[in-house]
Amino acid sequence: MNMNSNTILAAIAIAAIFSPAIVSIVDNIFKFLISRLEYKRTIGRDNILHTRDVYVEYMTNSINVLAGLNAFRMDYRFSLNKALAFFPDIAVPVLSEIDDAINSGDSKRGMSLVEKLSNIMRDYLN
């Protein structure tokens, strides 16, 4: 063997020693990145599902109160607070108007505002 072949053998030996470690490091980096993306997707999905649950609860309670069922007034207040926390900013003025309609006893105006809120939330949740 000449000097050139010894150099090639040394390079192959060094590559054989370090290659598994490099492959392992790169593999772990990609696994970490993929798990982080999956976590963000799961959090986003859970947030949408929770917002949808809050939306259904708010709609049920507000319609019951607008229909004259005062037994749901306390539930409506709790669901209003949740809605203010989870609904998009564009829905907050409509929530305020619905609350004003409920407090003034104007169920016709309240129902039309509930329909307006329904359209906003349908666009937001889809």
N, C-alpha and C. Protein backbone atom coordinates (compact mmCIF):
# COMPACT_ATOMS: atom_id res chain seq x y z
N MET A 1 0.84 -1.18 0.00
CA MET A 1 0.00 0.00 0.00
C MET A 1 0.88 1.23 0.00
N ASN A 2 0.40 2.18 -0.73
CA ASN A 2 1.17 3.41 -0.77
C ASN A 2 0.55 4.46 0.17
N MET A 3 1.12 5.58 0.19
CA MET A 3 0.71 6.66 1.09
C MET A 3 -0.71 7.12 0.79
N ASN A 4 -1.08 7.15 -0.48
CA ASN A 4 -2.38 7.61 -0.90
C ASN A 4 -3.48 6.67 -0.41
N SER A 5 -3.26 5.37 -0.50
CA SER A 5 -4.26 4.42 -0.05
C SER A 5 -4.40 4.43 1.47
N ASN A 6 -3.31 4.69 2.20
CA ASN A 6 -3.40 4.83 3.66
C ASN A 6 -4.24 6.04 4.04
N THR A 7 -4.11 7.09 3.31
CA THR A 7 -4.91 8.28 3.57
C THR A 7 -6.39 8.01 3.32
N ILE A 8 -6.67 7.29 2.25
CA ILE A 8 -8.05 6.94 1.94
C ILE A 8 -8.62 6.03 3.02
N LEU A 9 -7.83 5.05 3.44
CA LEU A 9 -8.29 4.14 4.51
C LEU A 9 -8.51 4.89 5.81
N ALA A 10 -7.67 5.84 6.13
CA ALA A 10 -7.83 6.64 7.34
C ALA A 10 -9.10 7.48 7.26
N ALA A 11 -9.36 8.06 6.09
CA ALA A 11 -10.57 8.86 5.91
C ALA A 11 -11.82 8.00 6.05
N ILE A 12 -11.79 6.79 5.49
CA ILE A 12 -12.92 5.87 5.61
C ILE A 12 -13.11 5.45 7.06
N ALA A 13 -12.03 5.19 7.77
CA ALA A 13 -12.12 4.80 9.18
C ALA A 13 -12.70 5.92 10.02
N ILE A 14 -12.26 7.13 9.79
CA ILE A 14 -12.79 8.29 10.54
C ILE A 14 -14.27 8.48 10.23
N ALA A 15 -14.64 8.35 8.95
CA ALA A 15 -16.05 8.49 8.57
C ALA A 15 -16.89 7.39 9.21
N ALA A 16 -16.35 6.19 9.28
CA ALA A 16 -17.08 5.08 9.89
C ALA A 16 -17.28 5.30 11.39
N ILE A 17 -16.34 5.98 12.02
CA ILE A 17 -16.47 6.24 13.45
C ILE A 17 -17.48 7.34 13.72
N PHE A 18 -17.43 8.43 12.94
CA PHE A 18 -18.27 9.59 13.23
C PHE A 18 -19.63 9.56 12.53
N SER A 19 -19.81 8.79 11.50
CA SER A 19 -21.04 8.76 10.73
C SER A 19 -22.27 8.39 11.57
N PRO A 20 -22.22 7.33 12.38
CA PRO A 20 -23.41 7.00 13.18
C PRO A 20 -23.80 8.13 14.15
N ALA A 21 -22.81 8.79 14.72
CA ALA A 21 -23.11 9.88 15.64
C ALA A 21 -23.77 11.05 14.90
N ILE A 22 -23.26 11.39 13.73
CA ILE A 22 -23.83 12.49 12.95
C ILE A 22 -25.25 12.15 12.50
N VAL A 23 -25.43 10.93 12.03
CA VAL A 23 -26.76 10.50 11.59
C VAL A 23 -27.73 10.54 12.77
N SER A 24 -27.29 10.10 13.93
CA SER A 24 -28.13 10.11 15.11
C SER A 24 -28.51 11.54 15.51
N ILE A 25 -27.56 12.46 15.47
CA ILE A 25 -27.83 13.86 15.82
C ILE A 25 -28.84 14.47 14.85
N VAL A 26 -28.62 14.28 13.56
CA VAL A 26 -29.54 14.81 12.55
C VAL A 26 -30.93 14.20 12.71
N ASP A 27 -31.00 12.91 12.95
CA ASP A 27 -32.27 12.23 13.15
C ASP A 27 -33.01 12.79 14.36
N ASN A 28 -32.29 13.00 15.46
CA ASN A 28 -32.92 13.56 16.66
C ASN A 28 -33.42 14.98 16.43
N ILE A 29 -32.69 15.76 15.66
CA ILE A 29 -33.13 17.12 15.37
C ILE A 29 -34.43 17.09 14.58
N PHE A 30 -34.51 16.24 13.56
CA PHE A 30 -35.73 16.15 12.77
C PHE A 30 -36.89 15.62 13.59
N LYS A 31 -36.65 14.65 14.45
CA LYS A 31 -37.72 14.14 15.32
C LYS A 31 -38.23 15.23 16.26
N PHE A 32 -37.32 16.03 16.79
CA PHE A 32 -37.71 17.13 17.67
C PHE A 32 -38.55 18.15 16.91
N LEU A 33 -38.14 18.51 15.71
CA LEU A 33 -38.90 19.49 14.92
C LEU A 33 -40.28 18.97 14.57
N ILE A 34 -40.36 17.70 14.22
CA ILE A 34 -41.66 17.12 13.88
C ILE A 34 -42.56 17.07 15.12
N SER A 35 -42.02 16.70 16.26
CA SER A 35 -42.84 16.64 17.47
C SER A 35 -43.32 18.03 17.87
N ARG A 36 -42.48 19.05 17.65
CA ARG A 36 -42.89 20.43 17.95
C ARG A 36 -44.03 20.87 17.04
N LEU A 37 -43.96 20.52 15.76
CA LEU A 37 -45.05 20.86 14.83
C LEU A 37 -46.35 20.13 15.20
N GLU A 38 -46.24 18.87 15.58
CA GLU A 38 -47.42 18.11 16.00
C GLU A 38 -48.03 18.71 17.26
N TYR A 39 -47.20 19.16 18.18
CA TYR A 39 -47.69 19.78 19.41
C TYR A 39 -48.45 21.07 19.10
N LYS A 40 -47.89 21.90 18.22
CA LYS A 40 -48.57 23.14 17.86
C LYS A 40 -49.91 22.86 17.18
N ARG A 41 -49.94 21.83 16.33
CA ARG A 41 -51.18 21.47 15.66
C ARG A 41 -52.22 20.98 16.68
N THR A 42 -51.79 20.19 17.65
CA THR A 42 -52.69 19.68 18.68
C THR A 42 -53.25 20.82 19.53
N ILE A 43 -52.38 21.75 19.91
CA ILE A 43 -52.83 22.90 20.70
C ILE A 43 -53.84 23.72 19.91
N GLY A 44 -53.56 23.96 18.64
CA GLY A 44 -54.49 24.71 17.79
C GLY A 44 -55.83 24.02 17.66
N ARG A 45 -55.80 22.71 17.45
CA ARG A 45 -57.04 21.95 17.32
C ARG A 45 -57.83 21.97 18.63
N ASP A 46 -57.13 21.79 19.77
CA ASP A 46 -57.80 21.82 21.06
C ASP A 46 -58.41 23.18 21.35
N ASN A 47 -57.73 24.24 20.95
CA ASN A 47 -58.24 25.59 21.16
C ASN A 47 -59.51 25.81 20.36
N ILE A 48 -59.53 25.36 19.12
CA ILE A 48 -60.73 25.49 18.28
C ILE A 48 -61.88 24.68 18.88
N LEU A 49 -61.59 23.45 19.32
CA LEU A 49 -62.65 22.62 19.91
C LEU A 49 -63.21 23.24 21.18
N HIS A 50 -62.34 23.80 22.01
CA HIS A 50 -62.81 24.44 23.25
C HIS A 50 -63.64 25.68 22.92
N THR A 51 -63.19 26.47 21.95
CA THR A 51 -63.94 27.65 21.55
C THR A 51 -65.31 27.25 21.02
N ARG A 52 -65.36 26.16 20.28
CA ARG A 52 -66.64 25.67 19.76
C ARG A 52 -67.56 25.26 20.91
N ASP A 53 -67.02 24.60 21.92
CA ASP A 53 -67.83 24.22 23.09
C ASP A 53 -68.36 25.46 23.81
N VAL A 54 -67.52 26.46 23.98
CA VAL A 54 -67.94 27.71 24.62
C VAL A 54 -69.03 28.38 23.78
N TYR A 55 -68.86 28.34 22.47
CA TYR A 55 -69.85 28.93 21.55
C TYR A 55 -71.21 28.25 21.69
N VAL A 56 -71.22 26.93 21.70
CA VAL A 56 -72.48 26.19 21.84
C VAL A 56 -73.14 26.50 23.18
N GLU A 57 -72.35 26.53 24.23
CA GLU A 57 -72.89 26.85 25.56
C GLU A 57 -73.47 28.26 25.59
N TYR A 58 -72.75 29.22 25.03
CA TYR A 58 -73.23 30.60 25.02
C TYR A 58 -74.52 30.72 24.22
N MET A 59 -74.55 30.11 23.03
CA MET A 59 -75.74 30.21 22.19
C MET A 59 -76.95 29.59 22.88
N THR A 60 -76.76 28.45 23.49
CA THR A 60 -77.87 27.78 24.18
C THR A 60 -78.41 28.66 25.30
N ASN A 61 -77.52 29.18 26.14
CA ASN A 61 -77.97 29.98 27.28
C ASN A 61 -78.55 31.32 26.85
N SER A 62 -77.96 31.98 25.86
CA SER A 62 -78.49 33.28 25.43
C SER A 62 -79.87 33.11 24.79
N ILE A 63 -80.05 32.08 23.98
CA ILE A 63 -81.37 31.86 23.36
C ILE A 63 -82.42 31.51 24.42
N ASN A 64 -82.02 30.71 25.42
CA ASN A 64 -82.97 30.39 26.50
C ASN A 64 -83.39 31.64 27.26
N VAL A 65 -82.44 32.54 27.53
CA VAL A 65 -82.78 33.77 28.26
C VAL A 65 -83.62 34.68 27.37
N LEU A 66 -83.27 34.77 26.09
CA LEU A 66 -84.06 35.60 25.17
C LEU A 66 -85.47 35.04 25.00
N ALA A 67 -85.64 33.74 25.15
CA ALA A 67 -86.96 33.12 25.05
C ALA A 67 -87.77 33.30 26.33
N GLY A 68 -87.19 33.93 27.33
CA GLY A 68 -87.92 34.22 28.56
C GLY A 68 -87.68 33.24 29.68
N LEU A 69 -86.73 32.34 29.51
CA LEU A 69 -86.45 31.36 30.57
C LEU A 69 -85.41 31.95 31.52
N ASN A 70 -85.86 32.66 32.52
CA ASN A 70 -84.95 33.36 33.43
C ASN A 70 -84.13 32.43 34.31
N ALA A 71 -84.50 31.17 34.36
CA ALA A 71 -83.72 30.21 35.15
C ALA A 71 -82.32 30.05 34.57
N PHE A 72 -82.14 30.41 33.30
CA PHE A 72 -80.84 30.28 32.64
C PHE A 72 -80.00 31.55 32.73
N ARG A 73 -80.48 32.57 33.43
CA ARG A 73 -79.77 33.85 33.46
C ARG A 73 -78.37 33.72 34.07
N MET A 74 -78.22 32.96 35.14
CA MET A 74 -76.90 32.80 35.77
C MET A 74 -75.97 32.01 34.84
N ASP A 75 -76.51 30.96 34.23
CA ASP A 75 -75.70 30.20 33.26
C ASP A 75 -75.29 31.09 32.09
N TYR A 76 -76.20 31.98 31.69
CA TYR A 76 -75.88 32.91 30.60
C TYR A 76 -74.71 33.80 31.00
N ARG A 77 -74.71 34.30 32.21
CA ARG A 77 -73.62 35.18 32.67
C ARG A 77 -72.27 34.45 32.65
N PHE A 78 -72.27 33.22 33.12
CA PHE A 78 -71.02 32.44 33.09
C PHE A 78 -70.56 32.20 31.66
N SER A 79 -71.49 31.84 30.79
CA SER A 79 -71.10 31.58 29.40
C SER A 79 -70.69 32.86 28.68
N LEU A 80 -71.26 34.00 29.08
CA LEU A 80 -70.84 35.29 28.51
C LEU A 80 -69.39 35.59 28.87
N ASN A 81 -69.03 35.35 30.11
CA ASN A 81 -67.64 35.58 30.53
C ASN A 81 -66.67 34.68 29.77
N LYS A 82 -67.04 33.42 29.58
CA LYS A 82 -66.19 32.51 28.80
C LYS A 82 -66.09 32.98 27.35
N ALA A 83 -67.22 33.41 26.80
CA ALA A 83 -67.24 33.87 25.41
C ALA A 83 -66.34 35.08 25.23
N LEU A 84 -66.38 36.00 26.18
CA LEU A 84 -65.52 37.18 26.09
C LEU A 84 -64.04 36.80 26.10
N ALA A 85 -63.72 35.71 26.77
CA ALA A 85 -62.32 35.27 26.84
C ALA A 85 -61.88 34.52 25.59
N PHE A 86 -62.78 33.77 24.96
CA PHE A 86 -62.37 32.86 23.89
C PHE A 86 -62.79 33.28 22.49
N PHE A 87 -63.79 34.13 22.36
CA PHE A 87 -64.26 34.51 21.04
C PHE A 87 -63.30 35.52 20.41
N PRO A 88 -63.29 35.60 19.08
CA PRO A 88 -62.42 36.58 18.42
C PRO A 88 -62.87 38.01 18.72
N ASP A 89 -61.97 38.94 18.54
CA ASP A 89 -62.25 40.35 18.86
C ASP A 89 -63.43 40.90 18.07
N ILE A 90 -63.63 40.41 16.86
CA ILE A 90 -64.72 40.90 16.03
C ILE A 90 -66.09 40.55 16.62
N ALA A 91 -66.16 39.53 17.47
CA ALA A 91 -67.44 39.10 18.05
C ALA A 91 -67.77 39.85 19.33
N VAL A 92 -66.81 40.52 19.95
CA VAL A 92 -67.04 41.17 21.25
C VAL A 92 -68.11 42.26 21.18
N PRO A 93 -68.11 43.15 20.18
CA PRO A 93 -69.20 44.15 20.13
C PRO A 93 -70.58 43.51 19.98
N VAL A 94 -70.67 42.42 19.25
CA VAL A 94 -71.96 41.74 19.08
C VAL A 94 -72.39 41.12 20.41
N LEU A 95 -71.44 40.55 21.15
CA LEU A 95 -71.76 40.02 22.48
C LEU A 95 -72.31 41.12 23.38
N SER A 96 -71.69 42.27 23.32
CA SER A 96 -72.15 43.41 24.12
C SER A 96 -73.56 43.84 23.73
N GLU A 97 -73.83 43.87 22.43
CA GLU A 97 -75.17 44.24 21.96
C GLU A 97 -76.21 43.20 22.37
N ILE A 98 -75.84 41.92 22.31
CA ILE A 98 -76.76 40.87 22.75
C ILE A 98 -77.06 41.04 24.24
N ASP A 99 -76.03 41.32 25.01
CA ASP A 99 -76.23 41.51 26.45
C ASP A 99 -77.14 42.71 26.72
N ASP A 100 -76.94 43.80 25.96
CA ASP A 100 -77.83 44.96 26.10
C ASP A 100 -79.27 44.60 25.76
N ALA A 101 -79.45 43.81 24.70
CA ALA A 101 -80.80 43.40 24.31
C ALA A 101 -81.44 42.52 25.38
N ILE A 102 -80.64 41.64 25.97
CA ILE A 102 -81.17 40.79 27.05
C ILE A 102 -81.56 41.62 28.25
N ASN A 103 -80.69 42.55 28.63
CA ASN A 103 -80.98 43.39 29.81
C ASN A 103 -82.17 44.31 29.59
N SER A 104 -82.40 44.74 28.35
CA SER A 104 -83.55 45.62 28.07
C SER A 104 -84.82 44.83 27.75
N GLY A 105 -84.70 43.52 27.62
CA GLY A 105 -85.87 42.68 27.35
C GLY A 105 -86.29 42.68 25.89
N ASP A 106 -85.43 43.13 25.00
CA ASP A 106 -85.74 43.19 23.57
C ASP A 106 -85.31 41.88 22.90
N SER A 107 -86.18 40.88 22.98
CA SER A 107 -85.81 39.55 22.48
C SER A 107 -85.73 39.50 20.96
N LYS A 108 -86.54 40.32 20.26
CA LYS A 108 -86.49 40.31 18.79
C LYS A 108 -85.12 40.81 18.31
N ARG A 109 -84.66 41.91 18.86
CA ARG A 109 -83.35 42.45 18.49
C ARG A 109 -82.25 41.47 18.92
N GLY A 110 -82.42 40.88 20.10
CA GLY A 110 -81.44 39.92 20.60
C GLY A 110 -81.30 38.71 19.69
N MET A 111 -82.42 38.20 19.19
CA MET A 111 -82.37 37.03 18.29
C MET A 111 -81.68 37.37 16.97
N SER A 112 -81.92 38.57 16.46
CA SER A 112 -81.24 38.95 15.20
C SER A 112 -79.74 39.10 15.44
N LEU A 113 -79.36 39.58 16.62
CA LEU A 113 -77.94 39.70 16.95
C LEU A 113 -77.30 38.33 17.18
N VAL A 114 -78.06 37.40 17.73
CA VAL A 114 -77.56 36.03 17.90
C VAL A 114 -77.28 35.42 16.53
N GLU A 115 -78.15 35.71 15.58
CA GLU A 115 -77.92 35.21 14.21
C GLU A 115 -76.65 35.85 13.62
N LYS A 116 -76.45 37.13 13.88
CA LYS A 116 -75.25 37.81 13.40
C LYS A 116 -73.99 37.19 14.02
N LEU A 117 -74.07 36.91 15.33
CA LEU A 117 -72.95 36.26 16.02
C LEU A 117 -72.70 34.87 15.45
N SER A 118 -73.76 34.18 15.13
CA SER A 118 -73.63 32.84 14.56
C SER A 118 -72.84 32.88 13.25
N ASN A 119 -73.11 33.87 12.41
CA ASN A 119 -72.37 34.01 11.15
C ASN A 119 -70.90 34.31 11.39
N ILE A 120 -70.61 35.18 12.35
CA ILE A 120 -69.23 35.52 12.68
C ILE A 120 -68.48 34.28 13.17
N MET A 121 -69.10 33.54 14.07
CA MET A 121 -68.42 32.38 14.66
C MET A 121 -68.28 31.24 13.65
N ARG A 122 -69.24 31.11 12.75
CA ARG A 122 -69.13 30.07 11.72
C ARG A 122 -67.90 30.34 10.85
N ASP A 123 -67.71 31.61 10.49
CA ASP A 123 -66.52 31.97 9.69
C ASP A 123 -65.25 31.76 10.48
N TYR A 124 -65.28 32.06 11.77
CA TYR A 124 -64.09 31.93 12.61
C TYR A 124 -63.71 30.46 12.85
N LEU A 125 -64.71 29.63 13.09
CA LEU A 125 -64.44 28.24 13.45
C LEU A 125 -64.18 27.34 12.24
N ASN A 126 -64.48 27.81 11.06
CA ASN A 126 -64.21 27.00 9.86
C ASN A 126 -62.93 27.38 9.19
